[in-house]
């Protein structure tokens, strides 16, 4: 019999997504701290009362998992160990230790993102909640699973990279606002793989410009979302390539969180000055529009560990159509040569 989806079902799904995004944010903090990126929140009556992320490597000890931290935080807030009426949201299926903590704390429900077939204890490797242990929480997995699993994959891929070798930039790097991301990209390697030959061409980024959302009259987002500009509303790391004057492909990297239409224009690399010359030099065209620089095998950015260069900050060019205040903002960043 086909299930009828009600308005209440849709509201519940949106609520689950909202709290899983909070958990993902904490997981991102863990990744930046060098921890396995898992984040968790405990929710009671629609309010977050406990937050946690992995802290084992930073001295938190063997039990410093995200779920343990979130449960402990919630218990402190409520002044007791019983969390009846509460829900746990976590980006990865809980391990046996954390599943045990869920049951011991009497949580009503667990919602997780990525399944863990090798170590998950709520249906992955086995289901601890199926045993007669006095409390059996409702369990739902797979909420924002792609995003949760992607964060884990990118973290472990970077960790497997040999020390000292260039490493692809991870999602967290791109979640800065554009005025932070633009200078941070200076000195990084822009990489383009030829699909036919497999050859990878790399060029160090020397100049960038930032475009800061709907209130920036020089930004394409200023006039609202269109079929052409909708890429700007994607999450940081998405590639935005558009045609200028119907002739030149210009490469931008979307920055910030999903729904924040900001981007950084790559204006120069070693060997090519000017955004049109950059794309011609590296063979970048509209076919790459919408690619994800975190996972694309055709276009990405690497960090080789060399310290970021000093830079100048001057007004952007080619934006005579913008309001005077926006034309004068020092949002064009040019690396100062180390020679």
Protein backbone atom coordinates (compact mmCIF):
# COMPACT_ATOMS: atom_id res chain seq x y z
CA UNK A 1 0.00 0.00 0.00
CA UNK A 2 1.42 3.38 -0.99
CA UNK A 3 2.20 5.68 1.91
CA UNK A 4 0.46 9.04 1.83
CA UNK A 5 2.89 11.88 2.63
CA UNK A 6 1.20 14.54 4.74
CA UNK A 7 2.12 18.14 5.47
CA UNK A 8 3.23 17.03 8.94
CA UNK A 9 5.61 14.52 7.33
CA UNK A 10 7.17 17.30 5.27
CA UNK A 11 7.53 19.54 8.31
CA UNK A 12 9.22 16.71 10.25
CA UNK A 13 11.62 16.06 7.36
CA UNK A 14 12.56 19.75 7.19
CA UNK A 15 13.12 19.74 10.93
CA UNK A 16 15.44 16.73 10.68
CA UNK A 17 17.41 18.44 7.92
CA UNK A 18 17.71 21.61 10.01
CA UNK A 19 19.23 19.81 12.99
CA UNK A 20 21.44 17.60 10.82
CA UNK A 21 22.91 20.75 9.28
CA UNK A 22 23.73 21.94 12.80
CA UNK A 23 25.52 18.63 13.35
CA UNK A 24 27.36 19.02 10.04
CA UNK A 25 28.59 22.43 11.13
CA UNK A 26 30.08 20.87 14.26
CA UNK A 27 31.60 18.08 12.15
CA UNK A 28 33.26 20.74 10.02
CA UNK A 29 34.77 22.27 13.15
CA UNK A 30 36.15 18.85 14.05
CA UNK A 31 37.75 18.47 10.61
CA UNK A 32 39.43 21.87 10.90
CA UNK A 33 40.86 20.76 14.24
CA UNK A 34 42.27 17.57 12.67
CA UNK A 35 39.61 15.32 14.19
CA UNK A 36 37.48 12.77 12.34
CA UNK A 37 34.57 14.97 11.24
CA UNK A 38 31.57 13.83 13.27
CA UNK A 39 29.19 16.27 14.93
CA UNK A 40 26.08 15.80 17.05
CA UNK A 41 23.29 17.76 18.74
CA UNK A 42 20.65 16.78 21.31
CA UNK A 43 17.23 18.35 20.77
CA UNK A 44 14.34 18.75 23.22
CA UNK A 45 11.04 20.37 22.23
CA UNK A 46 12.60 21.76 19.08
CA UNK A 47 15.53 23.38 20.91
CA UNK A 48 19.17 22.30 20.88
CA UNK A 49 20.24 21.56 24.44
CA UNK A 50 23.49 19.72 23.77
CA UNK A 51 26.28 20.00 21.21
CA UNK A 52 29.32 17.88 20.55
CA UNK A 53 32.08 17.00 18.09
CA UNK A 54 34.95 14.55 18.02
CA UNK A 55 37.86 15.60 20.26
CA UNK A 56 39.93 12.43 20.68
CA UNK A 57 43.07 13.67 18.94
CA UNK A 58 43.03 16.97 20.79
CA UNK A 59 43.40 15.35 24.20
CA UNK A 60 39.78 14.51 24.89
CA UNK A 61 40.59 10.84 25.40
CA UNK A 62 39.30 7.58 23.95
CA UNK A 63 35.62 8.29 24.71
CA UNK A 64 35.58 11.86 23.34
CA UNK A 65 33.12 11.10 20.54
CA UNK A 66 30.62 13.68 19.30
CA UNK A 67 27.62 11.79 20.70
CA UNK A 68 29.16 11.44 24.17
CA UNK A 69 29.96 15.15 24.26
CA UNK A 70 26.47 16.16 23.09
CA UNK A 71 24.75 13.82 25.57
CA UNK A 72 26.95 15.05 28.42
CA UNK A 73 26.24 18.67 27.49
CA UNK A 74 22.49 18.00 27.47
CA UNK A 75 22.65 16.25 30.84
CA UNK A 76 24.44 19.26 32.33
CA UNK A 77 21.81 21.59 30.92
CA UNK A 78 18.93 19.53 32.32
CA UNK A 79 20.60 18.71 35.60
CA UNK A 80 20.20 14.93 35.32
CA UNK A 81 21.16 11.88 33.31
CA UNK A 82 17.74 10.97 31.89
CA UNK A 83 17.11 12.41 28.43
CA UNK A 84 13.57 11.10 27.91
CA UNK A 85 11.75 13.28 25.40
CA UNK A 86 15.01 14.14 23.63
CA UNK A 87 16.45 13.28 20.22
CA UNK A 88 20.04 12.86 19.07
CA UNK A 89 21.17 14.03 15.62
CA UNK A 90 24.60 12.85 14.50
CA UNK A 91 26.39 12.87 11.16
CA UNK A 92 27.62 9.25 11.36
CA UNK A 93 25.84 6.14 12.63
CA UNK A 94 26.85 5.71 16.30
CA UNK A 95 29.49 3.17 17.28
CA UNK A 96 28.75 0.55 19.99
CA UNK A 97 29.96 2.85 22.76
CA UNK A 98 27.81 5.75 21.64
CA UNK A 99 24.78 3.55 20.92
CA UNK A 100 25.12 2.29 24.48
CA UNK A 101 25.18 5.85 25.77
CA UNK A 102 22.02 6.60 23.78
CA UNK A 103 20.22 3.69 25.42
CA UNK A 104 21.53 4.47 28.90
CA UNK A 105 20.44 8.11 28.60
CA UNK A 106 16.90 7.01 27.60
CA UNK A 107 16.85 9.09 24.40
CA UNK A 108 13.60 8.74 22.47
CA UNK A 109 15.01 8.96 18.96
CA UNK A 110 18.29 8.89 17.02
CA UNK A 111 18.69 10.45 13.57
CA UNK A 112 22.01 9.90 11.79
CA UNK A 113 23.44 10.92 8.43
CA UNK A 114 25.93 8.45 6.98
CA UNK A 115 25.53 4.71 7.52
CA UNK A 116 28.55 2.83 8.88
CA UNK A 117 28.54 -0.79 7.69
CA UNK A 118 31.88 -1.52 9.39
CA UNK A 119 31.26 -0.10 12.85
CA UNK A 120 27.71 1.19 13.14
CA UNK A 121 25.74 -0.17 16.09
CA UNK A 122 22.25 0.96 15.11
CA UNK A 123 21.77 -1.21 12.04
CA UNK A 124 25.11 -1.04 10.23
CA UNK A 125 27.31 -3.75 11.68
CA UNK A 126 24.59 -4.77 14.16
CA UNK A 127 21.64 -3.15 15.97
CA UNK A 128 22.19 -2.66 19.70
CA UNK A 129 18.74 -1.12 20.07
CA UNK A 130 17.16 -4.47 19.15
CA UNK A 131 18.39 -6.05 22.38
CA UNK A 132 16.16 -6.01 25.51
CA UNK A 133 18.13 -3.34 27.34
CA UNK A 134 15.23 -1.40 28.84
CA UNK A 135 15.06 1.38 26.25
CA UNK A 136 14.62 1.11 22.51
CA UNK A 137 14.93 4.46 20.72
CA UNK A 138 13.42 5.08 17.32
CA UNK A 139 16.22 5.15 14.73
CA UNK A 140 16.29 6.88 11.37
CA UNK A 141 19.35 6.95 9.11
CA UNK A 142 20.29 8.59 5.84
CA UNK A 143 19.34 12.22 6.56
CA UNK A 144 21.69 14.37 4.44
CA UNK A 145 23.68 11.18 3.95
CA UNK A 146 25.51 12.43 0.85
CA UNK A 147 26.83 15.52 2.59
CA UNK A 148 27.76 13.65 5.77
CA UNK A 149 29.58 10.89 3.87
CA UNK A 150 31.28 13.42 1.59
CA UNK A 151 32.77 15.25 4.55
CA UNK A 152 34.21 12.00 5.89
CA UNK A 153 35.55 10.91 2.49
CA UNK A 154 37.30 14.21 1.85
CA UNK A 155 38.83 14.19 5.34
CA UNK A 156 40.30 10.71 4.99
CA UNK A 157 41.47 11.38 1.43
CA UNK A 158 43.43 14.37 2.67
CA UNK A 159 44.85 12.44 5.62
CA UNK A 160 46.06 9.67 3.32
CA UNK A 161 47.97 12.16 1.22
CA UNK A 162 51.68 11.90 1.84
CA UNK A 163 53.18 14.62 4.01
CA UNK A 164 54.63 17.47 1.98
CA UNK A 165 52.73 16.66 -1.22
CA UNK A 166 50.13 19.09 -2.57
CA UNK A 167 46.71 18.39 -1.12
CA UNK A 168 43.34 19.18 -2.63
CA UNK A 169 41.46 21.86 -0.72
CA UNK A 170 38.58 20.45 1.33
CA UNK A 171 35.07 21.78 1.67
CA UNK A 172 35.77 23.69 4.87
CA UNK A 173 38.32 25.89 3.12
CA UNK A 174 35.65 27.23 0.77
CA UNK A 175 33.07 27.98 3.46
CA UNK A 176 34.67 31.35 4.21
CA UNK A 177 33.02 34.55 3.07
CA UNK A 178 34.33 35.69 -0.30
CA UNK A 179 36.40 38.56 1.14
CA UNK A 180 38.28 35.98 3.24
CA UNK A 181 38.49 33.28 0.58
CA UNK A 182 39.84 35.57 -2.15
CA UNK A 183 43.19 36.38 -0.45
CA UNK A 184 43.38 32.84 1.00
CA UNK A 185 43.44 31.41 -2.55
CA UNK A 186 46.56 33.37 -3.47
CA UNK A 187 49.52 31.03 -3.82
CA UNK A 188 47.34 27.93 -4.19
CA UNK A 189 47.57 25.73 -7.29
CA UNK A 190 44.71 25.80 -9.80
CA UNK A 191 44.64 22.36 -11.44
CA UNK A 192 43.00 21.32 -14.71
CA UNK A 193 42.96 17.75 -16.04
CA UNK A 194 42.46 17.09 -19.74
CA UNK A 195 39.77 14.40 -20.01
CA UNK A 196 41.16 12.98 -23.23
CA UNK A 197 44.87 12.79 -22.37
CA UNK A 198 44.73 12.66 -18.58
CA UNK A 199 47.39 15.38 -18.44
CA UNK A 200 47.13 17.74 -15.46
CA UNK A 201 48.20 21.36 -15.88
CA UNK A 202 48.82 23.40 -12.72
CA UNK A 203 49.28 27.12 -12.24
CA UNK A 204 49.76 29.08 -9.02
CA UNK A 205 47.02 31.66 -8.36
CA UNK A 206 48.33 35.24 -8.32
CA UNK A 207 45.23 37.46 -8.39
CA UNK A 208 41.62 37.19 -7.24
CA UNK A 209 38.53 39.36 -6.79
CA UNK A 210 35.64 38.81 -4.40
CA UNK A 211 31.94 39.39 -5.05
CA UNK A 212 29.95 39.57 -1.86
CA UNK A 213 26.33 38.65 -2.39
CA UNK A 214 23.05 40.34 -3.22
CA UNK A 215 23.97 43.66 -1.61
CA UNK A 216 27.11 43.98 -3.74
CA UNK A 217 25.94 45.76 -6.91
CA UNK A 218 28.95 44.38 -8.80
CA UNK A 219 27.92 40.78 -8.01
CA UNK A 220 25.77 38.76 -10.41
CA UNK A 221 23.54 37.86 -7.46
CA UNK A 222 22.50 41.50 -7.05
CA UNK A 223 19.71 41.16 -9.61
CA UNK A 224 18.42 37.92 -8.12
CA UNK A 225 18.61 34.26 -9.00
CA UNK A 226 18.41 33.32 -12.70
CA UNK A 227 19.21 30.18 -14.69
CA UNK A 228 22.63 31.68 -15.34
CA UNK A 229 23.44 32.78 -11.79
CA UNK A 230 21.73 30.09 -9.66
CA UNK A 231 25.11 28.35 -9.20
CA UNK A 232 26.07 31.21 -6.87
CA UNK A 233 23.57 29.96 -4.31
CA UNK A 234 25.31 26.57 -4.08
CA UNK A 235 27.78 25.77 -1.31
CA UNK A 236 31.39 26.90 -1.27
CA UNK A 237 33.66 25.06 -3.69
CA UNK A 238 31.16 24.96 -6.55
CA UNK A 239 32.59 26.14 -9.88
CA UNK A 240 30.86 29.07 -11.62
CA UNK A 241 31.99 29.71 -15.20
CA UNK A 242 30.25 32.32 -17.33
CA UNK A 243 30.83 33.98 -20.70
CA UNK A 244 31.93 37.60 -20.73
CA UNK A 245 30.95 39.58 -23.84
CA UNK A 246 30.04 36.24 -25.40
CA UNK A 247 33.74 35.51 -25.90
CA UNK A 248 35.72 34.81 -22.73
CA UNK A 249 35.01 32.14 -20.14
CA UNK A 250 35.64 33.51 -16.63
CA UNK A 251 36.27 31.17 -13.69
CA UNK A 252 34.76 31.80 -10.27
CA UNK A 253 34.73 29.69 -7.12
CA UNK A 254 31.56 29.94 -5.03
CA UNK A 255 32.26 30.67 -1.36
CA UNK A 256 30.42 30.39 1.94
CA UNK A 257 27.42 28.33 2.96
CA UNK A 258 24.67 27.18 0.63
CA UNK A 259 22.24 30.04 0.04
CA UNK A 260 24.91 32.74 0.40
CA UNK A 261 25.52 33.92 -3.20
CA UNK A 262 29.18 34.90 -2.98
CA UNK A 263 32.10 34.02 -5.23
CA UNK A 264 35.76 34.65 -6.00
CA UNK A 265 36.89 35.44 -9.54
CA UNK A 266 40.28 33.97 -10.48
CA UNK A 267 41.91 36.93 -12.23
CA UNK A 268 45.47 35.70 -12.63
CA UNK A 269 47.82 32.74 -12.40
CA UNK A 270 51.52 32.38 -13.04
CA UNK A 271 51.75 32.40 -16.83
CA UNK A 272 48.47 34.22 -17.48
CA UNK A 273 47.31 37.65 -16.30
CA UNK A 274 43.63 38.49 -16.66
CA UNK A 275 40.62 36.22 -16.11
CA UNK A 276 40.06 35.51 -19.81
CA UNK A 277 43.71 34.53 -20.27
CA UNK A 278 43.56 32.27 -17.20
CA UNK A 279 40.79 30.11 -18.66
CA UNK A 280 42.39 30.04 -22.10
CA UNK A 281 45.76 29.05 -20.60
CA UNK A 282 44.27 26.16 -18.62
CA UNK A 283 41.54 25.11 -21.07
CA UNK A 284 38.61 26.04 -18.82
CA UNK A 285 35.21 26.56 -20.39
CA UNK A 286 31.48 26.56 -19.63
CA UNK A 287 31.47 22.77 -19.58
CA UNK A 288 32.91 22.98 -16.06
CA UNK A 289 30.10 25.20 -14.77
CA UNK A 290 28.54 23.53 -11.73
CA UNK A 291 31.46 21.18 -11.04
CA UNK A 292 32.49 20.71 -7.43
CA UNK A 293 36.16 21.62 -6.90
CA UNK A 294 36.22 19.33 -3.84
CA UNK A 295 35.55 16.20 -5.92
CA UNK A 296 35.83 17.06 -9.62
CA UNK A 297 38.46 15.08 -11.52
CA UNK A 298 38.71 17.89 -14.08
CA UNK A 299 39.18 21.05 -12.01
CA UNK A 300 40.36 21.53 -8.42
CA UNK A 301 42.69 23.61 -6.24
CA UNK A 302 45.66 22.32 -4.23
CA UNK A 303 47.75 23.57 -1.32
CA UNK A 304 51.44 22.61 -1.32
CA UNK A 305 52.10 23.98 2.15
CA UNK A 306 54.01 27.05 0.97
CA UNK A 307 53.09 30.06 3.18
CA UNK A 308 50.54 32.40 1.66
CA UNK A 309 52.13 35.39 -0.05
CA UNK A 310 51.79 39.02 0.97
CA UNK A 311 49.35 40.87 -1.24
CA UNK A 312 47.94 44.23 -2.23
CA UNK A 313 44.24 45.05 -1.98
CA UNK A 314 42.89 47.46 -4.58
CA UNK A 315 39.51 48.28 -6.15
CA UNK A 316 38.06 45.79 -8.60
CA UNK A 317 38.18 46.50 -12.32
CA UNK A 318 35.62 46.28 -15.10
CA UNK A 319 32.63 47.05 -12.86
CA UNK A 320 31.62 50.53 -14.01
CA UNK A 321 27.98 49.42 -13.75
CA UNK A 322 28.21 49.08 -9.95
CA UNK A 323 27.36 51.72 -7.35
CA UNK A 324 30.29 54.06 -6.50
CA UNK A 325 30.78 52.58 -3.01
CA UNK A 326 31.04 49.08 -4.46
CA UNK A 327 33.39 50.21 -7.23
CA UNK A 328 35.78 51.62 -4.62
CA UNK A 329 35.92 48.61 -2.30
CA UNK A 330 39.48 47.12 -2.13
CA UNK A 331 38.39 43.64 -3.13
CA UNK A 332 41.00 42.83 -5.80
CA UNK A 333 43.86 40.90 -4.23
CA UNK A 334 47.22 40.57 -5.99
CA UNK A 335 50.08 38.46 -4.67
CA UNK A 336 53.38 40.23 -4.15
CA UNK A 337 56.18 38.28 -5.80
CA UNK A 338 58.52 36.52 -3.38
CA UNK A 339 61.52 37.15 -5.64
